[in-house]
């Protein structure tokens, strides 16, 4: 059975660019990742 990622490669690439672009606004890389995840609807 093939696993289908929940987000397209375009969305993942955009999320990575967002994280890298906003790292300076957060105390840690994890903070930037959490913030970006919430913005794209990938928080659980």
N, C-alpha and C. Protein backbone atom coordinates (compact mmCIF):
# COMPACT_ATOMS: atom_id res chain seq x y z
N UNK A 1 0.84 -1.18 0.00
CA UNK A 1 0.00 0.00 0.00
C UNK A 1 0.89 1.24 0.00
N UNK A 2 0.66 2.15 -0.92
CA UNK A 2 1.47 3.35 -1.06
C UNK A 2 0.95 4.47 -0.16
N UNK A 3 1.87 5.10 0.55
CA UNK A 3 1.52 6.21 1.43
C UNK A 3 1.47 7.50 0.63
N UNK A 4 0.39 8.25 0.75
CA UNK A 4 0.26 9.53 0.07
C UNK A 4 0.45 10.63 1.10
N UNK A 5 1.45 11.50 0.91
CA UNK A 5 1.66 12.60 1.87
C UNK A 5 0.43 13.50 1.92
N UNK A 6 0.10 14.03 3.10
CA UNK A 6 -1.09 14.87 3.23
C UNK A 6 -0.96 16.22 2.53
N UNK A 7 0.25 16.65 2.24
CA UNK A 7 0.46 17.94 1.59
C UNK A 7 1.30 17.74 0.33
N UNK A 8 1.01 18.52 -0.69
CA UNK A 8 1.75 18.42 -1.94
C UNK A 8 3.18 18.92 -1.75
N UNK A 9 4.03 18.58 -2.69
CA UNK A 9 5.42 19.03 -2.60
C UNK A 9 5.50 20.55 -2.67
N UNK A 10 4.60 21.20 -3.39
CA UNK A 10 4.58 22.66 -3.44
C UNK A 10 4.30 23.27 -2.07
N UNK A 11 3.35 22.69 -1.36
CA UNK A 11 3.01 23.19 -0.02
C UNK A 11 4.18 22.96 0.92
N UNK A 12 4.83 21.81 0.85
CA UNK A 12 5.97 21.53 1.72
C UNK A 12 7.12 22.50 1.43
N UNK A 13 7.39 22.75 0.15
CA UNK A 13 8.46 23.69 -0.21
C UNK A 13 8.14 25.10 0.30
N UNK A 14 6.89 25.51 0.18
CA UNK A 14 6.49 26.83 0.67
C UNK A 14 6.66 26.90 2.19
N UNK A 15 6.29 25.84 2.88
CA UNK A 15 6.42 25.81 4.34
C UNK A 15 7.88 25.93 4.76
N UNK A 16 8.77 25.25 4.07
CA UNK A 16 10.20 25.33 4.39
C UNK A 16 10.69 26.76 4.19
N UNK A 17 10.29 27.40 3.08
CA UNK A 17 10.69 28.79 2.84
C UNK A 17 10.15 29.71 3.94
N UNK A 18 8.92 29.46 4.38
CA UNK A 18 8.33 30.27 5.46
C UNK A 18 9.14 30.11 6.74
N UNK A 19 9.47 28.87 7.10
CA UNK A 19 10.24 28.62 8.33
C UNK A 19 11.58 29.34 8.26
N UNK A 20 12.28 29.17 7.15
CA UNK A 20 13.60 29.80 7.02
C UNK A 20 13.50 31.32 7.04
N UNK A 21 12.46 31.86 6.46
CA UNK A 21 12.30 33.30 6.40
C UNK A 21 11.87 33.93 7.72
N UNK A 22 11.30 33.15 8.61
CA UNK A 22 10.77 33.70 9.87
C UNK A 22 11.51 33.22 11.11
N UNK A 23 12.65 32.55 10.93
CA UNK A 23 13.38 32.05 12.10
C UNK A 23 13.79 33.17 13.05
N UNK A 24 14.13 34.33 12.51
CA UNK A 24 14.57 35.44 13.35
C UNK A 24 13.48 36.00 14.25
N UNK A 25 12.24 35.67 13.96
CA UNK A 25 11.11 36.16 14.75
C UNK A 25 10.79 35.25 15.94
N UNK A 26 11.50 34.14 16.05
CA UNK A 26 11.21 33.15 17.09
C UNK A 26 12.47 32.83 17.89
N UNK A 27 12.28 32.37 19.10
CA UNK A 27 13.41 32.07 19.99
C UNK A 27 14.18 30.82 19.55
N UNK A 28 13.54 29.96 18.77
CA UNK A 28 14.20 28.73 18.33
C UNK A 28 13.65 28.31 16.98
N UNK A 29 14.38 27.45 16.27
CA UNK A 29 13.84 26.92 15.02
C UNK A 29 12.51 26.20 15.23
N UNK A 30 12.37 25.53 16.36
CA UNK A 30 11.13 24.83 16.68
C UNK A 30 9.95 25.80 16.73
N UNK A 31 10.17 26.99 17.28
CA UNK A 31 9.12 28.00 17.33
C UNK A 31 8.68 28.42 15.94
N UNK A 32 9.63 28.58 15.03
CA UNK A 32 9.30 28.95 13.66
C UNK A 32 8.53 27.82 12.98
N UNK A 33 8.90 26.58 13.26
CA UNK A 33 8.21 25.44 12.67
C UNK A 33 6.77 25.36 13.19
N UNK A 34 6.60 25.52 14.48
CA UNK A 34 5.24 25.47 15.07
C UNK A 34 4.36 26.56 14.52
N UNK A 35 4.92 27.77 14.40
CA UNK A 35 4.16 28.90 13.88
C UNK A 35 3.73 28.65 12.43
N UNK A 36 4.66 28.18 11.63
CA UNK A 36 4.37 27.90 10.23
C UNK A 36 3.35 26.78 10.10
N UNK A 37 3.49 25.74 10.88
CA UNK A 37 2.55 24.62 10.84
C UNK A 37 1.13 25.10 11.13
N UNK A 38 0.98 25.96 12.11
CA UNK A 38 -0.35 26.49 12.44
C UNK A 38 -0.92 27.31 11.28
N UNK A 39 -0.05 28.07 10.62
CA UNK A 39 -0.51 28.92 9.51
C UNK A 39 -0.98 28.11 8.31
N UNK A 40 -0.37 26.96 8.07
CA UNK A 40 -0.76 26.15 6.91
C UNK A 40 -1.75 25.05 7.28
N UNK A 41 -2.17 25.01 8.54
CA UNK A 41 -3.17 24.03 8.96
C UNK A 41 -2.60 22.65 9.21
N UNK A 42 -1.36 22.60 9.65
CA UNK A 42 -0.70 21.32 9.90
C UNK A 42 -0.33 21.20 11.38
N UNK A 43 -1.24 21.51 12.26
CA UNK A 43 -0.95 21.39 13.68
C UNK A 43 -1.94 20.40 14.27
N UNK A 44 -1.43 19.59 15.16
CA UNK A 44 -2.31 18.57 15.69
C UNK A 44 -2.20 18.35 17.13
